C-alpha atoms as a PDB file:
ATOM      1  CA  MET A   1     113.420  81.613  94.980  1.00  0.00           C
ATOM      2  CA  SER A   2     111.031  83.012  97.561  1.00  0.00           C
ATOM      3  CA  LYS A   3     110.010  86.346  99.021  1.00  0.00           C
ATOM      4  CA  TYR A   4     110.764  85.829 102.695  1.00  0.00           C
ATOM      5  CA  ILE A   5     108.663  87.468 105.404  1.00  0.00           C
ATOM      6  CA  CYS A   6     109.915  88.294 108.902  1.00  0.00           C
ATOM      7  CA  THR A   7     107.502  86.655 111.344  1.00  0.00           C
ATOM      8  CA  THR A   8     108.133  89.308 114.006  1.00  0.00           C
ATOM      9  CA  CYS A   9     107.269  92.434 111.995  1.00  0.00           C
ATOM     10  CA  GLY A  10     105.564  90.901 108.945  1.00  0.00           C
ATOM     11  CA  VAL A  11     107.669  92.803 106.394  1.00  0.00           C
ATOM     12  CA  GLN A  12     108.312  91.040 103.087  1.00  0.00           C
ATOM     13  CA  TYR A  13     111.749  91.067 101.432  1.00  0.00           C
ATOM     14  CA  PRO A  14     112.698  90.761  97.740  1.00  0.00           C
ATOM     15  CA  GLU A  15     112.930  87.348  96.122  1.00  0.00           C
ATOM     16  CA  SER A  16     116.024  85.354  97.110  1.00  0.00           C
ATOM     17  CA  GLU A  17     117.262  81.766  97.307  1.00  0.00           C
ATOM     18  CA  HIS A  18     117.798  81.929 101.059  1.00  0.00           C
ATOM     19  CA  PRO A  19     116.283  84.011 103.877  1.00  0.00           C
ATOM     20  CA  PRO A  20     118.182  87.195 104.782  1.00  0.00           C
ATOM     21  CA  GLU A  21     120.542  86.886 107.735  1.00  0.00           C
ATOM     22  CA  SER A  22     118.421  89.302 109.725  1.00  0.00           C
ATOM     23  CA  CYS A  23     115.484  91.699 109.413  1.00  0.00           C
ATOM     24  CA  ARG A  24     116.719  95.271 109.200  1.00  0.00           C
ATOM     25  CA  ILE A  25     113.379  96.582 110.464  1.00  0.00           C
ATOM     26  CA  CYS A  26     113.524  94.441 113.613  1.00  0.00           C
ATOM     27  CA  LYS A  27     117.219  95.025 114.413  1.00  0.00           C
ATOM     28  CA  GLU A  28     116.595  98.765 114.669  1.00  0.00           C
ATOM     29  CA  GLU A  29     115.924 100.155 118.148  1.00  0.00           C
ATOM     30  CA  ARG A  30     112.253 100.941 117.512  1.00  0.00           C
ATOM     31  CA  GLN A  31     111.479  97.246 116.990  1.00  0.00           C
ATOM     32  CA  TYR A  32     113.030  94.023 118.301  1.00  0.00           C
ATOM     33  CA  VAL A  33     114.292  90.615 117.210  1.00  0.00           C
ATOM     34  CA  ASN A  34     112.310  87.666 118.543  1.00  0.00           C
ATOM     35  CA  PRO A  35     114.105  86.431 121.709  1.00  0.00           C
ATOM     36  CA  LEU A  36     113.968  82.923 120.206  1.00  0.00           C
ATOM     37  CA  GLY A  37     115.873  84.185 117.157  1.00  0.00           C
ATOM     38  CA  GLN A  38     115.199  85.505 113.682  1.00  0.00           C
ATOM     39  CA  ASP A  39     112.440  83.533 111.958  1.00  0.00           C
ATOM     40  CA  TRP A  40     111.080  83.674 108.414  1.00  0.00           C
ATOM     41  CA  THR A  41     108.066  82.450 106.477  1.00  0.00           C
ATOM     42  CA  THR A  42     106.529  83.075 103.059  1.00  0.00           C
ATOM     43  CA  LEU A  43     103.063  84.059 101.925  1.00  0.00           C
ATOM     44  CA  GLU A  44     102.714  80.645 100.283  1.00  0.00           C
ATOM     45  CA  VAL A  45     103.410  78.899 103.587  1.00  0.00           C
ATOM     46  CA  MET A  46     100.911  81.168 105.337  1.00  0.00           C
ATOM     47  CA  GLN A  47      98.269  80.455 102.700  1.00  0.00           C
ATOM     48  CA  ALA A  48      98.828  76.723 103.117  1.00  0.00           C
ATOM     49  CA  ASN A  49      98.141  77.133 106.828  1.00  0.00           C
ATOM     50  CA  SER A  50      94.341  77.175 106.961  1.00  0.00           C
ATOM     51  CA  ASP A  51      94.399  78.955 110.346  1.00  0.00           C
ATOM     52  CA  PHE A  52      94.977  82.376 108.746  1.00  0.00           C
ATOM     53  CA  LYS A  53      92.190  84.538 107.418  1.00  0.00           C
ATOM     54  CA  ASN A  54      91.427  88.236 107.104  1.00  0.00           C
ATOM     55  CA  GLU A  55      88.423  89.738 108.835  1.00  0.00           C
ATOM     56  CA  ILE A  56      86.867  92.672 106.976  1.00  0.00           C
ATOM     57  CA  ILE A  57      84.507  94.706 109.132  1.00  0.00           C
ATOM     58  CA  GLN A  58      82.511  97.808 108.217  1.00  0.00           C
ATOM     59  CA  GLU A  59      83.351 100.302 110.957  1.00  0.00           C
ATOM     60  CA  GLU A  60      81.094 103.049 109.664  1.00  0.00           C
ATOM     61  CA  GLU A  61      79.894 104.422 106.355  1.00  0.00           C
ATOM     62  CA  ASN A  62      82.627 104.004 103.704  1.00  0.00           C
ATOM     63  CA  LEU A  63      85.202 102.701 106.204  1.00  0.00           C
ATOM     64  CA  PHE A  64      86.254  99.056 106.541  1.00  0.00           C
ATOM     65  CA  SER A  65      88.903  97.509 108.791  1.00  0.00           C
ATOM     66  CA  ILE A  66      91.049  94.566 107.632  1.00  0.00           C
ATOM     67  CA  THR A  67      92.761  92.424 110.269  1.00  0.00           C
ATOM     68  CA  THR A  68      94.476  89.033 110.106  1.00  0.00           C
ATOM     69  CA  THR A  69      93.450  86.310 112.557  1.00  0.00           C
ATOM     70  CA  PRO A  70      95.164  84.743 114.336  1.00  0.00           C
ATOM     71  CA  SER A  71      97.371  87.784 114.799  1.00  0.00           C
ATOM     72  CA  PHE A  72     100.517  87.824 112.679  1.00  0.00           C
ATOM     73  CA  GLY A  73     103.612  90.009 112.977  1.00  0.00           C
ATOM     74  CA  ILE A  74     102.826  93.266 114.763  1.00  0.00           C
ATOM     75  CA  GLY A  75      99.113  92.578 114.431  1.00  0.00           C
ATOM     76  CA  GLN A  76      98.069  95.904 112.959  1.00  0.00           C
ATOM     77  CA  THR A  77      94.790  96.750 111.279  1.00  0.00           C
ATOM     78  CA  ALA A  78      94.600  98.179 107.755  1.00  0.00           C
ATOM     79  CA  TYR A  79      91.674 100.342 106.652  1.00  0.00           C
ATOM     80  CA  LEU A  80      89.832 100.632 103.353  1.00  0.00           C
ATOM     81  CA  ILE A  81      88.345 104.086 102.803  1.00  0.00           C
ATOM     82  CA  ARG A  82      85.843 104.844 100.042  1.00  0.00           C
ATOM     83  CA  GLU A  83      85.806 108.512  99.073  1.00  0.00           C
ATOM     84  CA  ASN A  84      84.761 110.344  95.894  1.00  0.00           C
ATOM     85  CA  GLY A  85      84.712 107.181  93.814  1.00  0.00           C
ATOM     86  CA  SER A  86      88.152 105.981  94.956  1.00  0.00           C
ATOM     87  CA  ASN A  87      89.086 103.145  97.311  1.00  0.00           C
ATOM     88  CA  VAL A  88      92.208 103.731  99.409  1.00  0.00           C
ATOM     89  CA  LEU A  89      94.015 101.191 101.585  1.00  0.00           C
ATOM     90  CA  TRP A  90      95.575 102.864 104.610  1.00  0.00           C
ATOM     91  CA  ASP A  91      98.541 100.919 105.970  1.00  0.00           C
ATOM     92  CA  CYS A  92      98.981  97.305 104.998  1.00  0.00           C
ATOM     93  CA  ILE A  93      99.013  93.793 106.417  1.00  0.00           C
ATOM     94  CA  THR A  94     101.012  90.778 105.294  1.00  0.00           C
ATOM     95  CA  TYR A  95      98.417  88.105 104.684  1.00  0.00           C
ATOM     96  CA  LEU A  96      96.520  88.047 101.399  1.00  0.00           C
ATOM     97  CA  ASP A  97      94.413  85.222  99.955  1.00  0.00           C
ATOM     98  CA  GLN A  98      91.762  84.716  97.295  1.00  0.00           C
ATOM     99  CA  GLU A  99      88.896  85.232  99.728  1.00  0.00           C
ATOM    100  CA  THR A 100      90.317  88.613 100.761  1.00  0.00           C
ATOM    101  CA  ILE A 101      90.789  89.579  97.122  1.00  0.00           C
ATOM    102  CA  ARG A 102      87.208  88.593  96.335  1.00  0.00           C
ATOM    103  CA  LYS A 103      85.741  90.591  99.220  1.00  0.00           C
ATOM    104  CA  ILE A 104      87.793  93.694  98.462  1.00  0.00           C
ATOM    105  CA  ASN A 105      86.896  93.534  94.789  1.00  0.00           C
ATOM    106  CA  GLU A 106      83.232  93.377  95.811  1.00  0.00           C
ATOM    107  CA  LEU A 107      83.842  96.652  97.650  1.00  0.00           C
ATOM    108  CA  GLY A 108      85.348  98.185  94.522  1.00  0.00           C
ATOM    109  CA  GLY A 109      88.985  97.109  94.731  1.00  0.00           C
ATOM    110  CA  ILE A 110      91.906  99.332  95.728  1.00  0.00           C
ATOM    111  CA  ASP A 111      92.906 102.445  93.768  1.00  0.00           C
ATOM    112  CA  ALA A 112      95.799 103.544  96.002  1.00  0.00           C
ATOM    113  CA  ILE A 113      97.747 102.431  99.065  1.00  0.00           C
ATOM    114  CA  ALA A 114      99.144 104.929 101.599  1.00  0.00           C
ATOM    115  CA  LEU A 115     101.451 104.098 104.501  1.00  0.00           C
ATOM    116  CA  SER A 116     101.973 105.657 107.901  1.00  0.00           C
ATOM    117  CA  HIS A 117     105.466 104.274 108.578  1.00  0.00           C
ATOM    118  CA  PRO A 118     107.807 101.313 107.891  1.00  0.00           C
ATOM    119  CA  HIS A 119     106.466  98.909 110.525  1.00  0.00           C
ATOM    120  CA  TYR A 120     103.333  98.510 108.392  1.00  0.00           C
ATOM    121  CA  TYR A 121     104.927  98.162 104.958  1.00  0.00           C
ATOM    122  CA  SER A 122     104.427  94.381 105.340  1.00  0.00           C
ATOM    123  CA  ALA A 123     103.533  92.876 101.916  1.00  0.00           C
ATOM    124  CA  GLN A 124     102.631  96.227 100.365  1.00  0.00           C
ATOM    125  CA  VAL A 125     104.141  95.361  96.974  1.00  0.00           C
ATOM    126  CA  LYS A 126     102.107  92.143  96.745  1.00  0.00           C
ATOM    127  CA  TRP A 127      98.919  94.054  97.575  1.00  0.00           C
ATOM    128  CA  ALA A 128      99.781  96.785  95.048  1.00  0.00           C
ATOM    129  CA  GLU A 129     100.459  94.271  92.288  1.00  0.00           C
ATOM    130  CA  THR A 130      97.283  92.325  93.074  1.00  0.00           C
ATOM    131  CA  PHE A 131      95.029  95.375  92.906  1.00  0.00           C
ATOM    132  CA  ASP A 132      97.075  97.381  90.355  1.00  0.00           C
ATOM    133  CA  ALA A 133      97.532 100.301  92.756  1.00  0.00           C
ATOM    134  CA  PRO A 134     100.281 102.851  93.465  1.00  0.00           C
ATOM    135  CA  ILE A 135     101.880 103.048  96.925  1.00  0.00           C
ATOM    136  CA  TYR A 136     102.441 106.410  98.655  1.00  0.00           C
ATOM    137  CA  ILE A 137     105.329 106.630 101.149  1.00  0.00           C
ATOM    138  CA  HIS A 138     107.006 109.753 102.478  1.00  0.00           C
ATOM    139  CA  ARG A 139     110.486 110.218 101.048  1.00  0.00           C
ATOM    140  CA  ASP A 140     111.974 110.589 104.537  1.00  0.00           C
ATOM    141  CA  ASP A 141     111.324 106.861 105.102  1.00  0.00           C
ATOM    142  CA  GLN A 142     112.645 105.672 101.740  1.00  0.00           C
ATOM    143  CA  GLU A 143     115.617 103.900 103.363  1.00  0.00           C
ATOM    144  CA  TRP A 144     113.234 101.530 105.183  1.00  0.00           C
ATOM    145  CA  VAL A 145     111.628 100.093 102.055  1.00  0.00           C
ATOM    146  CA  MET A 146     112.879  96.512 102.062  1.00  0.00           C
ATOM    147  CA  GLU A 147     111.228  95.479  98.772  1.00  0.00           C
ATOM    148  CA  PRO A 148     111.682  98.125  96.050  1.00  0.00           C
ATOM    149  CA  SER A 149     108.981  98.543  93.424  1.00  0.00           C
ATOM    150  CA  ASP A 150     108.135 100.893  90.568  1.00  0.00           C
ATOM    151  CA  ARG A 151     104.688 101.137  92.139  1.00  0.00           C
ATOM    152  CA  ILE A 152     106.067 103.136  95.069  1.00  0.00           C
ATOM    153  CA  GLU A 153     105.684 106.895  94.773  1.00  0.00           C
ATOM    154  CA  PHE A 154     107.785 108.803  97.296  1.00  0.00           C
ATOM    155  CA  TRP A 155     106.178 112.076  98.270  1.00  0.00           C
ATOM    156  CA  SER A 156     107.817 114.990 100.047  1.00  0.00           C
ATOM    157  CA  ASP A 157     106.912 118.237 101.812  1.00  0.00           C
ATOM    158  CA  GLU A 158     104.446 118.227 104.693  1.00  0.00           C
ATOM    159  CA  GLN A 159     101.191 117.153 103.071  1.00  0.00           C
ATOM    160  CA  LEU A 160      99.814 115.501  99.969  1.00  0.00           C
ATOM    161  CA  GLU A 161      96.246 115.265  98.693  1.00  0.00           C
ATOM    162  CA  PHE A 162      96.892 112.036  96.811  1.00  0.00           C
ATOM    163  CA  THR A 163      93.241 111.508  95.916  1.00  0.00           C
ATOM    164  CA  ARG A 164      90.341 113.957  96.120  1.00  0.00           C
ATOM    165  CA  GLY A 165      89.121 114.273  99.704  1.00  0.00           C
ATOM    166  CA  LEU A 166      92.015 112.414 101.366  1.00  0.00           C
ATOM    167  CA  THR A 167      95.223 114.116 102.493  1.00  0.00           C
ATOM    168  CA  LEU A 168      98.420 112.721 103.970  1.00  0.00           C
ATOM    169  CA  HIS A 169     100.199 114.797 106.624  1.00  0.00           C
ATOM    170  CA  ARG A 170     103.793 114.135 107.615  1.00  0.00           C
ATOM    171  CA  LEU A 171     104.057 114.477 111.386  1.00  0.00           C
ATOM    172  CA  GLY A 172     107.318 112.618 112.003  1.00  0.00           C
ATOM    173  CA  GLY A 173     107.936 111.453 115.556  1.00  0.00           C
ATOM    174  CA  HIS A 174     107.815 107.653 115.580  1.00  0.00           C
ATOM    175  CA  PHE A 175     109.604 107.764 112.200  1.00  0.00           C
ATOM    176  CA  LYS A 176     110.922 110.829 110.400  1.00  0.00           C
ATOM    177  CA  GLY A 177     108.424 110.349 107.572  1.00  0.00           C
ATOM    178  CA  GLY A 178     105.601 109.229 109.861  1.00  0.00           C
ATOM    179  CA  ALA A 179     102.273 110.214 108.299  1.00  0.00           C
ATOM    180  CA  VAL A 180      98.577 110.305 109.172  1.00  0.00           C
ATOM    181  CA  LEU A 181      95.548 110.282 106.866  1.00  0.00           C
ATOM    182  CA  HIS A 182      93.002 113.098 107.137  1.00  0.00           C
ATOM    183  CA  TRP A 183      89.493 112.348 105.889  1.00  0.00           C
ATOM    184  CA  PRO A 184      87.374 115.470 106.481  1.00  0.00           C
ATOM    185  CA  ASN A 185      84.203 113.893 105.013  1.00  0.00           C
ATOM    186  CA  GLY A 186      84.415 110.839 107.254  1.00  0.00           C
ATOM    187  CA  ASN A 187      82.203 110.362 110.305  1.00  0.00           C
ATOM    188  CA  SER A 188      79.253 112.040 108.549  1.00  0.00           C
ATOM    189  CA  GLY A 189      81.303 115.124 107.764  1.00  0.00           C
ATOM    190  CA  ARG A 190      82.742 115.582 111.252  1.00  0.00           C
ATOM    191  CA  GLY A 191      86.135 114.329 110.109  1.00  0.00           C
ATOM    192  CA  ILE A 192      88.382 111.350 110.802  1.00  0.00           C
ATOM    193  CA  LEU A 193      92.134 111.113 111.368  1.00  0.00           C
ATOM    194  CA  ILE A 194      93.614 107.635 110.800  1.00  0.00           C
ATOM    195  CA  THR A 195      96.953 107.602 112.561  1.00  0.00           C
ATOM    196  CA  GLY A 196      98.669 104.202 112.540  1.00  0.00           C
ATOM    197  CA  ASP A 197     100.627 104.690 115.738  1.00  0.00           C
ATOM    198  CA  ILE A 198     102.110 108.060 114.851  1.00  0.00           C
ATOM    199  CA  ILE A 199      99.388 109.180 117.270  1.00  0.00           C
ATOM    200  CA  GLN A 200      98.456 106.202 119.452  1.00  0.00           C
ATOM    201  CA  VAL A 201      95.086 105.670 121.106  1.00  0.00           C
ATOM    202  CA  VAL A 202      95.793 104.400 124.623  1.00  0.00           C
ATOM    203  CA  ALA A 203      93.857 102.197 127.067  1.00  0.00           C
ATOM    204  CA  ASP A 204      91.812 105.180 128.235  1.00  0.00           C
ATOM    205  CA  SER A 205      90.405 105.896 124.792  1.00  0.00           C
ATOM    206  CA  GLU A 206      89.711 109.532 125.542  1.00  0.00           C
ATOM    207  CA  TRP A 207      93.488 110.057 125.400  1.00  0.00           C
ATOM    208  CA  VAL A 208      96.365 109.416 123.003  1.00  0.00           C
ATOM    209  CA  SER A 209     100.124 109.146 123.270  1.00  0.00           C
ATOM    210  CA  PHE A 210     103.288 109.474 121.206  1.00  0.00           C
ATOM    211  CA  MET A 211     106.437 107.346 121.237  1.00  0.00           C
ATOM    212  CA  TYR A 212     109.717 106.878 119.407  1.00  0.00           C
ATOM    213  CA  SER A 213     109.521 103.157 120.232  1.00  0.00           C
ATOM    214  CA  TYR A 214     106.441 101.478 121.626  1.00  0.00           C
ATOM    215  CA  PRO A 215     107.838  97.986 122.369  1.00  0.00           C
ATOM    216  CA  ASN A 216     111.028  99.428 123.882  1.00  0.00           C
ATOM    217  CA  GLN A 217     109.219 102.344 125.580  1.00  0.00           C
ATOM    218  CA  ILE A 218     111.422 105.150 124.276  1.00  0.00           C
ATOM    219  CA  PRO A 219     109.557 108.471 124.513  1.00  0.00           C
ATOM    220  CA  LEU A 220     109.615 111.381 122.108  1.00  0.00           C
ATOM    221  CA  PRO A 221     111.070 114.731 123.190  1.00  0.00           C
ATOM    222  CA  ALA A 222     108.649 117.382 124.388  1.00  0.00           C
ATOM    223  CA  LYS A 223     109.444 119.665 121.443  1.00  0.00           C
ATOM    224  CA  LYS A 224     108.420 116.972 118.933  1.00  0.00           C
ATOM    225  CA  VAL A 225     105.175 116.159 120.750  1.00  0.00           C
ATOM    226  CA  ALA A 226     104.266 119.847 120.767  1.00  0.00           C
ATOM    227  CA  ASP A 227     105.015 120.004 117.047  1.00  0.00           C
ATOM    228  CA  ILE A 228     102.761 117.018 116.271  1.00  0.00           C
ATOM    229  CA  ALA A 229      99.887 118.544 118.240  1.00  0.00           C
ATOM    230  CA  ALA A 230     100.347 121.888 116.487  1.00  0.00           C
ATOM    231  CA  ARG A 231     100.363 120.273 113.029  1.00  0.00           C
ATOM    232  CA  VAL A 232      96.935 118.673 113.507  1.00  0.00           C
ATOM    233  CA  LYS A 233      95.300 121.424 115.587  1.00  0.00           C
ATOM    234  CA  ASP A 234      93.659 123.134 112.614  1.00  0.00           C
ATOM    235  CA  LEU A 235      92.487 119.905 110.951  1.00  0.00           C
ATOM    236  CA  LYS A 236      88.805 119.009 111.201  1.00  0.00           C
ATOM    237  CA  PHE A 237      88.458 115.599 112.837  1.00  0.00           C
ATOM    238  CA  HIS A 238      86.121 114.377 115.538  1.00  0.00           C
ATOM    239  CA  ARG A 239      87.322 110.757 115.550  1.00  0.00           C
ATOM    240  CA  ILE A 240      90.652 108.880 115.451  1.00  0.00           C
ATOM    241  CA  TYR A 241      91.295 105.301 114.334  1.00  0.00           C
ATOM    242  CA  ASN A 242      94.691 103.857 115.248  1.00  0.00           C
ATOM    243  CA  ALA A 243      96.549 100.791 113.969  1.00  0.00           C
ATOM    244  CA  PHE A 244      95.148  98.400 116.564  1.00  0.00           C
ATOM    245  CA  HIS A 245      91.418  98.778 116.093  1.00  0.00           C
ATOM    246  CA  LYS A 246      91.110 101.394 118.818  1.00  0.00           C
ATOM    247  CA  THR A 247      89.297 104.701 118.457  1.00  0.00           C
ATOM    248  CA  VAL A 248      88.834 108.056 120.056  1.00  0.00           C
ATOM    249  CA  LYS A 249      85.150 108.238 119.197  1.00  0.00           C
ATOM    250  CA  THR A 250      84.408 111.899 119.893  1.00  0.00           C
ATOM    251  CA  ASN A 251      86.281 115.184 120.345  1.00  0.00           C
ATOM    252  CA  ALA A 252      89.454 113.572 119.012  1.00  0.00           C
ATOM    253  CA  ASN A 253      91.293 116.790 118.147  1.00  0.00           C
ATOM    254  CA  GLU A 254      90.761 118.042 121.673  1.00  0.00           C
ATOM    255  CA  ALA A 255      92.031 114.687 122.945  1.00  0.00           C
ATOM    256  CA  VAL A 256      95.273 115.114 120.985  1.00  0.00           C
ATOM    257  CA  GLN A 257      95.823 118.626 122.328  1.00  0.00           C
ATOM    258  CA  ARG A 258      95.259 117.775 126.003  1.00  0.00           C
ATOM    259  CA  SER A 259      97.224 114.523 125.666  1.00  0.00           C
ATOM    260  CA  ALA A 260     100.203 116.409 124.260  1.00  0.00           C
ATOM    261  CA  LYS A 261     100.072 118.845 127.179  1.00  0.00           C
ATOM    262  CA  ARG A 262      99.964 115.964 129.684  1.00  0.00           C
ATOM    263  CA  TYR A 263     102.833 114.163 127.948  1.00  0.00           C
ATOM    264  CA  ILE A 264     105.002 117.286 127.950  1.00  0.00           C
ATOM    265  CA  SER A 265     104.187 117.960 131.605  1.00  0.00           C
ATOM    266  CA  ALA A 266     105.268 114.432 132.481  1.00  0.00           C
ATOM    267  CA  LEU A 267     108.570 114.816 130.612  1.00  0.00           C
ATOM    268  CA  GLN A 268     109.223 118.163 132.268  1.00  0.00           C
ATOM    269  CA  GLY A 269     108.517 116.824 135.737  1.00  0.00           C
ATOM    270  CA  THR A 270     105.517 119.039 136.475  1.00  0.00           C
ATOM    271  CA  LEU A 271     102.676 116.507 136.078  1.00  0.00           C
ATOM    272  CA  PHE A 272     103.367 114.549 139.258  1.00  0.00           C
ATOM    273  CA  LYS A 273     105.828 113.961 142.081  1.00  0.00           C
ATOM    274  CA  THR A 274     107.297 110.528 142.619  1.00  0.00           C
END
């Protein structure tokens, strides 16, 4: 019996004798099945492959990024935030080994795990069991949990202060329960918003974007983009970190507001003529 992991999205499934026929996450229109076909691995196989390791980098005071190299699955970055005596893992990655466990324990371990959306659920149950931590997922995305666990706490409504000084905000968009993490004390008190790709930092890092599907390039409707911008407008944050180690370093709230206006103008046909 093994817990099989989809190599395309990195999501782990419950223990079974044989791999699932397909990955439900990848067959949905926001993701994709590998053109070469559905492929599976296990954490044990990954650990036996000495190529994989996790890089833990201090991004700024009390904020650490965790990224697997070489890239695996979607290739996202998780973040460890230290605030008011608690350590929180924002989003998750698949790979976990003893060296990662040692380094994280040196930083104080993990007291809670919070997720932006299903593409980054990865091996969240394994991480939660390893560090004896609860997992916070918005109830609107409950159907996308592939590996059930008593450690998962489904929250509802529009926001949740799940530990002192850190608040989850449901913005929807990319997924109905899509959430971001607001850390008002981050960035020396100027505020940080960690967004997964509910709000995506783009190549020009003074701007962001919003999508229903990034790999399949399906946009969000103008009404939803306006709603996302309105929901974060009154939050204090000067910096954004996204899921792919990209940042809006300064004036991030303003960047979200002007980016939403540009996006809506493009959808409405008033931004340009072509």
